[in-house]
Amino acid sequence: TRDLHMFGRHFLSGKENAEDPAISPLYARLEGMPPTLLSVGTEDP
């Protein structure tokens, strides 16, 4: 979790809103995206 906080701190200047879809695409409109394969492990934060 600390690593993720540090990565975010380096990536952003501190003024941006992390929920901005341009930064966090989870919040974007997703219509029209192509067929998508998502892969993840259970031991992944």
ModelCIF file with pLDDT and N, C-alpha, C, O atoms, coordinates in Angstrom:
data_MODEL
#
_entry.id   MODEL 
#
_entity.id                         1 
_entity.type                       polymer 
_entity.pdbx_number_of_molecules   1 
#
_entity_poly.entity_id                      1 
_entity_poly.type                           'polypeptide(L)' 
_entity_poly.nstd_linkage                   no 
_entity_poly.nstd_monomer                   no 
_entity_poly.pdbx_seq_one_letter_code       TRDLHMFGRHFLSGKENAEDPAISPLYARLEGMPPTLLSVGTEDP 
_entity_poly.pdbx_seq_one_letter_code_can   TRDLHMFGRHFLSGKENAEDPAISPLYARLEGMPPTLLSVGTEDP 
_entity_poly.pdbx_strand_id                 A 
#
loop_
_entity_poly_seq.entity_id 
_entity_poly_seq.num 
_entity_poly_seq.mon_id 
_entity_poly_seq.hetero 
1 1  THR n 
1 2  ARG n 
1 3  ASP n 
1 4  LEU n 
1 5  HIS n 
1 6  MET n 
1 7  PHE n 
1 8  GLY n 
1 9  ARG n 
1 10 HIS n 
1 11 PHE n 
1 12 LEU n 
1 13 SER n 
1 14 GLY n 
1 15 LYS n 
1 16 GLU n 
1 17 ASN n 
1 18 ALA n 
1 19 GLU n 
1 20 ASP n 
1 21 PRO n 
1 22 ALA n 
1 23 ILE n 
1 24 SER n 
1 25 PRO n 
1 26 LEU n 
1 27 TYR n 
1 28 ALA n 
1 29 ARG n 
1 30 LEU n 
1 31 GLU n 
1 32 GLY n 
1 33 MET n 
1 34 PRO n 
1 35 PRO n 
1 36 THR n 
1 37 LEU n 
1 38 LEU n 
1 39 SER n 
1 40 VAL n 
1 41 GLY n 
1 42 THR n 
1 43 GLU n 
1 44 ASP n 
1 45 PRO n 
#
_struct_asym.id          A 
_struct_asym.entity_id   1 
#
loop_
_ma_qa_metric.id 
_ma_qa_metric.mode 
_ma_qa_metric.name 
_ma_qa_metric.software_group_id 
_ma_qa_metric.type 
1 global pLDDT . pLDDT 
2 local  pLDDT . pLDDT 
#
_ma_qa_metric_global.metric_id      1 
_ma_qa_metric_global.metric_value   96.18 
_ma_qa_metric_global.model_id       1 
_ma_qa_metric_global.ordinal_id     1 
#
loop_
_ma_qa_metric_local.label_asym_id 
_ma_qa_metric_local.label_comp_id 
_ma_qa_metric_local.label_seq_id 
_ma_qa_metric_local.metric_id 
_ma_qa_metric_local.metric_value 
_ma_qa_metric_local.model_id 
_ma_qa_metric_local.ordinal_id 
A THR 1  2 97.00 1 1  
A ARG 2  2 96.00 1 2  
A ASP 3  2 96.00 1 3  
A LEU 4  2 97.00 1 4  
A HIS 5  2 97.00 1 5  
A MET 6  2 96.00 1 6  
A PHE 7  2 97.00 1 7  
A GLY 8  2 97.00 1 8  
A ARG 9  2 96.00 1 9  
A HIS 10 2 97.00 1 10 
A PHE 11 2 98.00 1 11 
A LEU 12 2 97.00 1 12 
A SER 13 2 86.00 1 13 
A GLY 14 2 83.00 1 14 
A LYS 15 2 83.00 1 15 
A GLU 16 2 92.00 1 16 
A ASN 17 2 95.00 1 17 
A ALA 18 2 96.00 1 18 
A GLU 19 2 96.00 1 19 
A ASP 20 2 98.00 1 20 
A PRO 21 2 98.00 1 21 
A ALA 22 2 98.00 1 22 
A ILE 23 2 98.00 1 23 
A SER 24 2 98.00 1 24 
A PRO 25 2 98.00 1 25 
A LEU 26 2 98.00 1 26 
A TYR 27 2 98.00 1 27 
A ALA 28 2 98.00 1 28 
A ARG 29 2 98.00 1 29 
A LEU 30 2 98.00 1 30 
A GLU 31 2 97.00 1 31 
A GLY 32 2 96.00 1 32 
A MET 33 2 98.00 1 33 
A PRO 34 2 97.00 1 34 
A PRO 35 2 97.00 1 35 
A THR 36 2 98.00 1 36 
A LEU 37 2 98.00 1 37 
A LEU 38 2 98.00 1 38 
A SER 39 2 98.00 1 39 
A VAL 40 2 97.00 1 40 
A GLY 41 2 97.00 1 41 
A THR 42 2 96.00 1 42 
A GLU 43 2 97.00 1 43 
A ASP 44 2 97.00 1 44 
A PRO 45 2 97.00 1 45 
#
loop_
_atom_site.group_PDB 
_atom_site.id 
_atom_site.type_symbol 
_atom_site.label_atom_id 
_atom_site.label_alt_id 
_atom_site.label_comp_id 
_atom_site.label_asym_id 
_atom_site.label_entity_id 
_atom_site.label_seq_id 
_atom_site.pdbx_PDB_ins_code 
_atom_site.Cartn_x 
_atom_site.Cartn_y 
_atom_site.Cartn_z 
_atom_site.occupancy 
_atom_site.B_iso_or_equiv 
_atom_site.pdbx_formal_charge 
_atom_site.auth_seq_id 
_atom_site.auth_comp_id 
_atom_site.auth_asym_id 
_atom_site.auth_atom_id 
_atom_site.pdbx_PDB_model_num 
ATOM 1   N N  . THR A 1 1  ? 0.834   -1.201  0.000   1.00 97.00 ? 1  THR A N  1 
ATOM 2   C CA . THR A 1 1  ? 0.000   0.000   0.000   1.00 97.00 ? 1  THR A CA 1 
ATOM 3   C C  . THR A 1 1  ? 0.871   1.253   0.000   1.00 97.00 ? 1  THR A C  1 
ATOM 4   O O  . THR A 1 1  ? 0.558   2.240   -0.665  1.00 97.00 ? 1  THR A O  1 
ATOM 5   N N  . ARG A 1 2  ? 1.957   1.200   0.749   1.00 96.00 ? 2  ARG A N  1 
ATOM 6   C CA . ARG A 1 2  ? 2.877   2.342   0.766   1.00 96.00 ? 2  ARG A CA 1 
ATOM 7   C C  . ARG A 1 2  ? 3.461   2.584   -0.619  1.00 96.00 ? 2  ARG A C  1 
ATOM 8   O O  . ARG A 1 2  ? 3.551   3.729   -1.062  1.00 96.00 ? 2  ARG A O  1 
ATOM 9   N N  . ASP A 1 3  ? 3.855   1.522   -1.305  1.00 96.00 ? 3  ASP A N  1 
ATOM 10  C CA . ASP A 1 3  ? 4.388   1.673   -2.661  1.00 96.00 ? 3  ASP A CA 1 
ATOM 11  C C  . ASP A 1 3  ? 3.389   2.389   -3.554  1.00 96.00 ? 3  ASP A C  1 
ATOM 12  O O  . ASP A 1 3  ? 3.755   3.292   -4.306  1.00 96.00 ? 3  ASP A O  1 
ATOM 13  N N  . LEU A 1 4  ? 2.128   1.986   -3.472  1.00 97.00 ? 4  LEU A N  1 
ATOM 14  C CA . LEU A 1 4  ? 1.105   2.590   -4.318  1.00 97.00 ? 4  LEU A CA 1 
ATOM 15  C C  . LEU A 1 4  ? 0.942   4.076   -3.998  1.00 97.00 ? 4  LEU A C  1 
ATOM 16  O O  . LEU A 1 4  ? 0.807   4.900   -4.903  1.00 97.00 ? 4  LEU A O  1 
ATOM 17  N N  . HIS A 1 5  ? 0.956   4.413   -2.703  1.00 97.00 ? 5  HIS A N  1 
ATOM 18  C CA . HIS A 1 5  ? 0.885   5.829   -2.329  1.00 97.00 ? 5  HIS A CA 1 
ATOM 19  C C  . HIS A 1 5  ? 2.078   6.599   -2.911  1.00 97.00 ? 5  HIS A C  1 
ATOM 20  O O  . HIS A 1 5  ? 1.911   7.708   -3.420  1.00 97.00 ? 5  HIS A O  1 
ATOM 21  N N  . MET A 1 6  ? 3.261   6.023   -2.839  1.00 96.00 ? 6  MET A N  1 
ATOM 22  C CA . MET A 1 6  ? 4.459   6.690   -3.357  1.00 96.00 ? 6  MET A CA 1 
ATOM 23  C C  . MET A 1 6  ? 4.388   6.838   -4.878  1.00 96.00 ? 6  MET A C  1 
ATOM 24  O O  . MET A 1 6  ? 4.738   7.889   -5.414  1.00 96.00 ? 6  MET A O  1 
ATOM 25  N N  . PHE A 1 7  ? 3.942   5.803   -5.565  1.00 97.00 ? 7  PHE A N  1 
ATOM 26  C CA . PHE A 1 7  ? 3.806   5.899   -7.017  1.00 97.00 ? 7  PHE A CA 1 
ATOM 27  C C  . PHE A 1 7  ? 2.829   7.017   -7.390  1.00 97.00 ? 7  PHE A C  1 
ATOM 28  O O  . PHE A 1 7  ? 3.093   7.814   -8.290  1.00 97.00 ? 7  PHE A O  1 
ATOM 29  N N  . GLY A 1 8  ? 1.693   7.060   -6.680  1.00 97.00 ? 8  GLY A N  1 
ATOM 30  C CA . GLY A 1 8  ? 0.714   8.099   -6.963  1.00 97.00 ? 8  GLY A CA 1 
ATOM 31  C C  . GLY A 1 8  ? 1.254   9.488   -6.687  1.00 97.00 ? 8  GLY A C  1 
ATOM 32  O O  . GLY A 1 8  ? 0.961   10.431  -7.421  1.00 97.00 ? 8  GLY A O  1 
ATOM 33  N N  . ARG A 1 9  ? 2.043   9.617   -5.627  1.00 96.00 ? 9  ARG A N  1 
ATOM 34  C CA . ARG A 1 9  ? 2.631   10.910  -5.275  1.00 96.00 ? 9  ARG A CA 1 
ATOM 35  C C  . ARG A 1 9  ? 3.610   11.382  -6.351  1.00 96.00 ? 9  ARG A C  1 
ATOM 36  O O  . ARG A 1 9  ? 3.662   12.569  -6.673  1.00 96.00 ? 9  ARG A O  1 
ATOM 37  N N  . HIS A 1 10 ? 4.384   10.446  -6.903  1.00 97.00 ? 10 HIS A N  1 
ATOM 38  C CA . HIS A 1 10 ? 5.322   10.806  -7.965  1.00 97.00 ? 10 HIS A CA 1 
ATOM 39  C C  . HIS A 1 10 ? 4.592   11.129  -9.265  1.00 97.00 ? 10 HIS A C  1 
ATOM 40  O O  . HIS A 1 10 ? 4.990   12.038  -9.994  1.00 97.00 ? 10 HIS A O  1 
ATOM 41  N N  . PHE A 1 11 ? 3.534   10.392  -9.554  1.00 98.00 ? 11 PHE A N  1 
ATOM 42  C CA . PHE A 1 11 ? 2.814   10.548  -10.825 1.00 98.00 ? 11 PHE A CA 1 
ATOM 43  C C  . PHE A 1 11 ? 2.038   11.853  -10.881 1.00 98.00 ? 11 PHE A C  1 
ATOM 44  O O  . PHE A 1 11 ? 1.966   12.490  -11.932 1.00 98.00 ? 11 PHE A O  1 
ATOM 45  N N  . LEU A 1 12 ? 1.453   12.254  -9.751  1.00 97.00 ? 12 LEU A N  1 
ATOM 46  C CA . LEU A 1 12 ? 0.616   13.449  -9.698  1.00 97.00 ? 12 LEU A CA 1 
ATOM 47  C C  . LEU A 1 12 ? 1.333   14.570  -8.955  1.00 97.00 ? 12 LEU A C  1 
ATOM 48  O O  . LEU A 1 12 ? 2.175   14.331  -8.090  1.00 97.00 ? 12 LEU A O  1 
ATOM 49  N N  . SER A 1 13 ? 0.980   15.786  -9.313  1.00 86.00 ? 13 SER A N  1 
ATOM 50  C CA . SER A 1 13 ? 1.623   16.937  -8.675  1.00 86.00 ? 13 SER A CA 1 
ATOM 51  C C  . SER A 1 13 ? 1.038   17.231  -7.303  1.00 86.00 ? 13 SER A C  1 
ATOM 52  O O  . SER A 1 13 ? 1.618   17.992  -6.529  1.00 86.00 ? 13 SER A O  1 
ATOM 53  N N  . GLY A 1 14 ? -0.110  16.631  -6.999  1.00 83.00 ? 14 GLY A N  1 
ATOM 54  C CA . GLY A 1 14 ? -0.760  16.873  -5.721  1.00 83.00 ? 14 GLY A CA 1 
ATOM 55  C C  . GLY A 1 14 ? -2.007  17.705  -5.837  1.00 83.00 ? 14 GLY A C  1 
ATOM 56  O O  . GLY A 1 14 ? -2.793  17.784  -4.893  1.00 83.00 ? 14 GLY A O  1 
ATOM 57  N N  . LYS A 1 15 ? -2.203  18.330  -6.984  1.00 83.00 ? 15 LYS A N  1 
ATOM 58  C CA . LYS A 1 15 ? -3.371  19.191  -7.189  1.00 83.00 ? 15 LYS A CA 1 
ATOM 59  C C  . LYS A 1 15 ? -4.494  18.465  -7.920  1.00 83.00 ? 15 LYS A C  1 
ATOM 60  O O  . LYS A 1 15 ? -5.642  18.910  -7.902  1.00 83.00 ? 15 LYS A O  1 
ATOM 61  N N  . GLU A 1 16 ? -4.162  17.344  -8.565  1.00 92.00 ? 16 GLU A N  1 
ATOM 62  C CA . GLU A 1 16 ? -5.154  16.647  -9.363  1.00 92.00 ? 16 GLU A CA 1 
ATOM 63  C C  . GLU A 1 16 ? -6.115  15.843  -8.480  1.00 92.00 ? 16 GLU A C  1 
ATOM 64  O O  . GLU A 1 16 ? -5.781  15.467  -7.357  1.00 92.00 ? 16 GLU A O  1 
ATOM 65  N N  . ASN A 1 17 ? -7.290  15.593  -9.004  1.00 95.00 ? 17 ASN A N  1 
ATOM 66  C CA . ASN A 1 17 ? -8.286  14.763  -8.347  1.00 95.00 ? 17 ASN A CA 1 
ATOM 67  C C  . ASN A 1 17 ? -8.095  13.329  -8.833  1.00 95.00 ? 17 ASN A C  1 
ATOM 68  O O  . ASN A 1 17 ? -8.212  13.060  -10.028 1.00 95.00 ? 17 ASN A O  1 
ATOM 69  N N  . ALA A 1 18 ? -7.806  12.416  -7.921  1.00 96.00 ? 18 ALA A N  1 
ATOM 70  C CA . ALA A 1 18 ? -7.543  11.025  -8.305  1.00 96.00 ? 18 ALA A CA 1 
ATOM 71  C C  . ALA A 1 18 ? -8.753  10.365  -8.944  1.00 96.00 ? 18 ALA A C  1 
ATOM 72  O O  . ALA A 1 18 ? -8.608  9.355   -9.633  1.00 96.00 ? 18 ALA A O  1 
ATOM 73  N N  . GLU A 1 19 ? -9.953  10.919  -8.729  1.00 96.00 ? 19 GLU A N  1 
ATOM 74  C CA . GLU A 1 19 ? -11.152 10.362  -9.341  1.00 96.00 ? 19 GLU A CA 1 
ATOM 75  C C  . GLU A 1 19 ? -11.442 10.948  -10.716 1.00 96.00 ? 19 GLU A C  1 
ATOM 76  O O  . GLU A 1 19 ? -12.459 10.621  -11.327 1.00 96.00 ? 19 GLU A O  1 
ATOM 77  N N  . ASP A 1 20 ? -10.563 11.804  -11.204 1.00 98.00 ? 20 ASP A N  1 
ATOM 78  C CA . ASP A 1 20 ? -10.684 12.317  -12.568 1.00 98.00 ? 20 ASP A CA 1 
ATOM 79  C C  . ASP A 1 20 ? -10.516 11.138  -13.523 1.00 98.00 ? 20 ASP A C  1 
ATOM 80  O O  . ASP A 1 20 ? -9.512  10.432  -13.439 1.00 98.00 ? 20 ASP A O  1 
ATOM 81  N N  . PRO A 1 21 ? -11.473 10.900  -14.434 1.00 98.00 ? 21 PRO A N  1 
ATOM 82  C CA . PRO A 1 21 ? -11.353 9.770   -15.359 1.00 98.00 ? 21 PRO A CA 1 
ATOM 83  C C  . PRO A 1 21 ? -10.090 9.800   -16.201 1.00 98.00 ? 21 PRO A C  1 
ATOM 84  O O  . PRO A 1 21 ? -9.638  8.757   -16.674 1.00 98.00 ? 21 PRO A O  1 
ATOM 85  N N  . ALA A 1 22 ? -9.511  10.989  -16.396 1.00 98.00 ? 22 ALA A N  1 
ATOM 86  C CA . ALA A 1 22 ? -8.268  11.082  -17.163 1.00 98.00 ? 22 ALA A CA 1 
ATOM 87  C C  . ALA A 1 22 ? -7.102  10.478  -16.393 1.00 98.00 ? 22 ALA A C  1 
ATOM 88  O O  . ALA A 1 22 ? -6.082  10.124  -16.985 1.00 98.00 ? 22 ALA A O  1 
ATOM 89  N N  . ILE A 1 23 ? -7.248  10.358  -15.072 1.00 98.00 ? 23 ILE A N  1 
ATOM 90  C CA . ILE A 1 23 ? -6.202  9.806   -14.208 1.00 98.00 ? 23 ILE A CA 1 
ATOM 91  C C  . ILE A 1 23 ? -6.532  8.377   -13.801 1.00 98.00 ? 23 ILE A C  1 
ATOM 92  O O  . ILE A 1 23 ? -5.677  7.493   -13.862 1.00 98.00 ? 23 ILE A O  1 
ATOM 93  N N  . SER A 1 24 ? -7.765  8.157   -13.390 1.00 98.00 ? 24 SER A N  1 
ATOM 94  C CA . SER A 1 24 ? -8.235  6.840   -12.953 1.00 98.00 ? 24 SER A CA 1 
ATOM 95  C C  . SER A 1 24 ? -9.329  6.370   -13.905 1.00 98.00 ? 24 SER A C  1 
ATOM 96  O O  . SER A 1 24 ? -10.488 6.745   -13.732 1.00 98.00 ? 24 SER A O  1 
ATOM 97  N N  . PRO A 1 25 ? -8.993  5.561   -14.903 1.00 98.00 ? 25 PRO A N  1 
ATOM 98  C CA . PRO A 1 25 ? -9.978  5.202   -15.928 1.00 98.00 ? 25 PRO A CA 1 
ATOM 99  C C  . PRO A 1 25 ? -11.143 4.364   -15.424 1.00 98.00 ? 25 PRO A C  1 
ATOM 100 O O  . PRO A 1 25 ? -12.098 4.139   -16.167 1.00 98.00 ? 25 PRO A O  1 
ATOM 101 N N  . LEU A 1 26 ? -11.091 3.894   -14.177 1.00 98.00 ? 26 LEU A N  1 
ATOM 102 C CA . LEU A 1 26 ? -12.238 3.183   -13.622 1.00 98.00 ? 26 LEU A CA 1 
ATOM 103 C C  . LEU A 1 26 ? -13.477 4.071   -13.626 1.00 98.00 ? 26 LEU A C  1 
ATOM 104 O O  . LEU A 1 26 ? -14.601 3.571   -13.683 1.00 98.00 ? 26 LEU A O  1 
ATOM 105 N N  . TYR A 1 27 ? -13.273 5.399   -13.565 1.00 98.00 ? 27 TYR A N  1 
ATOM 106 C CA . TYR A 1 27 ? -14.376 6.344   -13.486 1.00 98.00 ? 27 TYR A CA 1 
ATOM 107 C C  . TYR A 1 27 ? -14.813 6.879   -14.851 1.00 98.00 ? 27 TYR A C  1 
ATOM 108 O O  . TYR A 1 27 ? -15.694 7.735   -14.924 1.00 98.00 ? 27 TYR A O  1 
ATOM 109 N N  . ALA A 1 28 ? -14.212 6.388   -15.919 1.00 98.00 ? 28 ALA A N  1 
ATOM 110 C CA . ALA A 1 28 ? -14.517 6.890   -17.262 1.00 98.00 ? 28 ALA A CA 1 
ATOM 111 C C  . ALA A 1 28 ? -15.757 6.219   -17.836 1.00 98.00 ? 28 ALA A C  1 
ATOM 112 O O  . ALA A 1 28 ? -16.170 5.153   -17.379 1.00 98.00 ? 28 ALA A O  1 
ATOM 113 N N  . ARG A 1 29 ? -16.347 6.858   -18.845 1.00 98.00 ? 29 ARG A N  1 
ATOM 114 C CA . ARG A 1 29 ? -17.356 6.173   -19.667 1.00 98.00 ? 29 ARG A CA 1 
ATOM 115 C C  . ARG A 1 29 ? -16.624 5.124   -20.493 1.00 98.00 ? 29 ARG A C  1 
ATOM 116 O O  . ARG A 1 29 ? -15.610 5.431   -21.121 1.00 98.00 ? 29 ARG A O  1 
ATOM 117 N N  . LEU A 1 30 ? -17.119 3.904   -20.502 1.00 98.00 ? 30 LEU A N  1 
ATOM 118 C CA . LEU A 1 30 ? -16.389 2.806   -21.123 1.00 98.00 ? 30 LEU A CA 1 
ATOM 119 C C  . LEU A 1 30 ? -17.081 2.246   -22.369 1.00 98.00 ? 30 LEU A C  1 
ATOM 120 O O  . LEU A 1 30 ? -16.624 1.254   -22.937 1.00 98.00 ? 30 LEU A O  1 
ATOM 121 N N  . GLU A 1 31 ? -18.168 2.869   -22.792 1.00 97.00 ? 31 GLU A N  1 
ATOM 122 C CA . GLU A 1 31 ? -18.853 2.396   -23.982 1.00 97.00 ? 31 GLU A CA 1 
ATOM 123 C C  . GLU A 1 31 ? -17.933 2.427   -25.199 1.00 97.00 ? 31 GLU A C  1 
ATOM 124 O O  . GLU A 1 31 ? -17.126 3.343   -25.360 1.00 97.00 ? 31 GLU A O  1 
ATOM 125 N N  . GLY A 1 32 ? -18.064 1.427   -26.038 1.00 96.00 ? 32 GLY A N  1 
ATOM 126 C CA . GLY A 1 32 ? -17.295 1.406   -27.284 1.00 96.00 ? 32 GLY A CA 1 
ATOM 127 C C  . GLY A 1 32 ? -15.921 0.799   -27.171 1.00 96.00 ? 32 GLY A C  1 
ATOM 128 O O  . GLY A 1 32 ? -15.202 0.723   -28.168 1.00 96.00 ? 32 GLY A O  1 
ATOM 129 N N  . MET A 1 33 ? -15.525 0.357   -25.972 1.00 98.00 ? 33 MET A N  1 
ATOM 130 C CA . MET A 1 33 ? -14.237 -0.301  -25.856 1.00 98.00 ? 33 MET A CA 1 
ATOM 131 C C  . MET A 1 33 ? -14.291 -1.666  -26.562 1.00 98.00 ? 33 MET A C  1 
ATOM 132 O O  . MET A 1 33 ? -15.353 -2.281  -26.650 1.00 98.00 ? 33 MET A O  1 
ATOM 133 N N  . PRO A 1 34 ? -13.148 -2.129  -27.059 1.00 97.00 ? 34 PRO A N  1 
ATOM 134 C CA . PRO A 1 34 ? -13.126 -3.389  -27.811 1.00 97.00 ? 34 PRO A CA 1 
ATOM 135 C C  . PRO A 1 34 ? -13.257 -4.598  -26.890 1.00 97.00 ? 34 PRO A C  1 
ATOM 136 O O  . PRO A 1 34 ? -13.218 -4.445  -25.670 1.00 97.00 ? 34 PRO A O  1 
ATOM 137 N N  . PRO A 1 35 ? -13.413 -5.800  -27.454 1.00 97.00 ? 35 PRO A N  1 
ATOM 138 C CA . PRO A 1 35 ? -13.372 -7.000  -26.614 1.00 97.00 ? 35 PRO A CA 1 
ATOM 139 C C  . PRO A 1 35 ? -12.155 -6.962  -25.706 1.00 97.00 ? 35 PRO A C  1 
ATOM 140 O O  . PRO A 1 35 ? -11.037 -6.726  -26.163 1.00 97.00 ? 35 PRO A O  1 
ATOM 141 N N  . THR A 1 36 ? -12.376 -7.196  -24.407 1.00 98.00 ? 36 THR A N  1 
ATOM 142 C CA . THR A 1 36 ? -11.324 -6.982  -23.409 1.00 98.00 ? 36 THR A CA 1 
ATOM 143 C C  . THR A 1 36 ? -11.107 -8.232  -22.574 1.00 98.00 ? 36 THR A C  1 
ATOM 144 O O  . THR A 1 36 ? -12.053 -8.842  -22.076 1.00 98.00 ? 36 THR A O  1 
ATOM 145 N N  . LEU A 1 37 ? -9.849  -8.596  -22.432 1.00 98.00 ? 37 LEU A N  1 
ATOM 146 C CA . LEU A 1 37 ? -9.435  -9.674  -21.530 1.00 98.00 ? 37 LEU A CA 1 
ATOM 147 C C  . LEU A 1 37 ? -8.740  -9.047  -20.334 1.00 98.00 ? 37 LEU A C  1 
ATOM 148 O O  . LEU A 1 37 ? -7.742  -8.343  -20.485 1.00 98.00 ? 37 LEU A O  1 
ATOM 149 N N  . LEU A 1 38 ? -9.275  -9.305  -19.134 1.00 98.00 ? 38 LEU A N  1 
ATOM 150 C CA . LEU A 1 38 ? -8.696  -8.815  -17.889 1.00 98.00 ? 38 LEU A CA 1 
ATOM 151 C C  . LEU A 1 38 ? -8.119  -9.997  -17.127 1.00 98.00 ? 38 LEU A C  1 
ATOM 152 O O  . LEU A 1 38 ? -8.774  -11.028 -16.971 1.00 98.00 ? 38 LEU A O  1 
ATOM 153 N N  . SER A 1 39 ? -6.886  -9.840  -16.653 1.00 98.00 ? 39 SER A N  1 
ATOM 154 C CA . SER A 1 39 ? -6.221  -10.927 -15.937 1.00 98.00 ? 39 SER A CA 1 
ATOM 155 C C  . SER A 1 39 ? -5.587  -10.385 -14.665 1.00 98.00 ? 39 SER A C  1 
ATOM 156 O O  . SER A 1 39 ? -4.966  -9.322  -14.673 1.00 98.00 ? 39 SER A O  1 
ATOM 157 N N  . VAL A 1 40 ? -5.751  -11.135 -13.558 1.00 97.00 ? 40 VAL A N  1 
ATOM 158 C CA . VAL A 1 40 ? -5.196  -10.711 -12.280 1.00 97.00 ? 40 VAL A CA 1 
ATOM 159 C C  . VAL A 1 40 ? -5.066  -11.942 -11.384 1.00 97.00 ? 40 VAL A C  1 
ATOM 160 O O  . VAL A 1 40 ? -5.774  -12.930 -11.577 1.00 97.00 ? 40 VAL A O  1 
ATOM 161 N N  . GLY A 1 41 ? -4.161  -11.883 -10.404 1.00 97.00 ? 41 GLY A N  1 
ATOM 162 C CA . GLY A 1 41 ? -4.018  -12.954 -9.429  1.00 97.00 ? 41 GLY A CA 1 
ATOM 163 C C  . GLY A 1 41 ? -4.688  -12.588 -8.117  1.00 97.00 ? 41 GLY A C  1 
ATOM 164 O O  . GLY A 1 41 ? -4.924  -11.412 -7.840  1.00 97.00 ? 41 GLY A O  1 
ATOM 165 N N  . THR A 1 42 ? -4.992  -13.590 -7.315  1.00 96.00 ? 42 THR A N  1 
ATOM 166 C CA . THR A 1 42 ? -5.653  -13.323 -6.037  1.00 96.00 ? 42 THR A CA 1 
ATOM 167 C C  . THR A 1 42 ? -4.709  -12.716 -5.006  1.00 96.00 ? 42 THR A C  1 
ATOM 168 O O  . THR A 1 42 ? -5.165  -12.112 -4.034  1.00 96.00 ? 42 THR A O  1 
ATOM 169 N N  . GLU A 1 43 ? -3.385  -12.869 -5.206  1.00 97.00 ? 43 GLU A N  1 
ATOM 170 C CA . GLU A 1 43 ? -2.420  -12.292 -4.271  1.00 97.00 ? 43 GLU A CA 1 
ATOM 171 C C  . GLU A 1 43 ? -1.860  -10.988 -4.840  1.00 97.00 ? 43 GLU A C  1 
ATOM 172 O O  . GLU A 1 43 ? -0.647  -10.782 -4.880  1.00 97.00 ? 43 GLU A O  1 
ATOM 173 N N  . ASP A 1 44 ? -2.748  -10.133 -5.267  1.00 97.00 ? 44 ASP A N  1 
ATOM 174 C CA . ASP A 1 44 ? -2.395  -8.851  -5.884  1.00 97.00 ? 44 ASP A CA 1 
ATOM 175 C C  . ASP A 1 44 ? -3.208  -7.766  -5.206  1.00 97.00 ? 44 ASP A C  1 
ATOM 176 O O  . ASP A 1 44 ? -4.433  -7.877  -5.153  1.00 97.00 ? 44 ASP A O  1 
ATOM 177 N N  . PRO A 1 45 ? -2.572  -6.709  -4.678  1.00 97.00 ? 45 PRO A N  1 
ATOM 178 C CA . PRO A 1 45 ? -3.330  -5.638  -4.047  1.00 97.00 ? 45 PRO A CA 1 
ATOM 179 C C  . PRO A 1 45 ? -4.295  -4.940  -4.999  1.00 97.00 ? 45 PRO A C  1 
ATOM 180 O O  . PRO A 1 45 ? -5.000  -4.014  -4.596  1.00 97.00 ? 45 PRO A O  1 
#
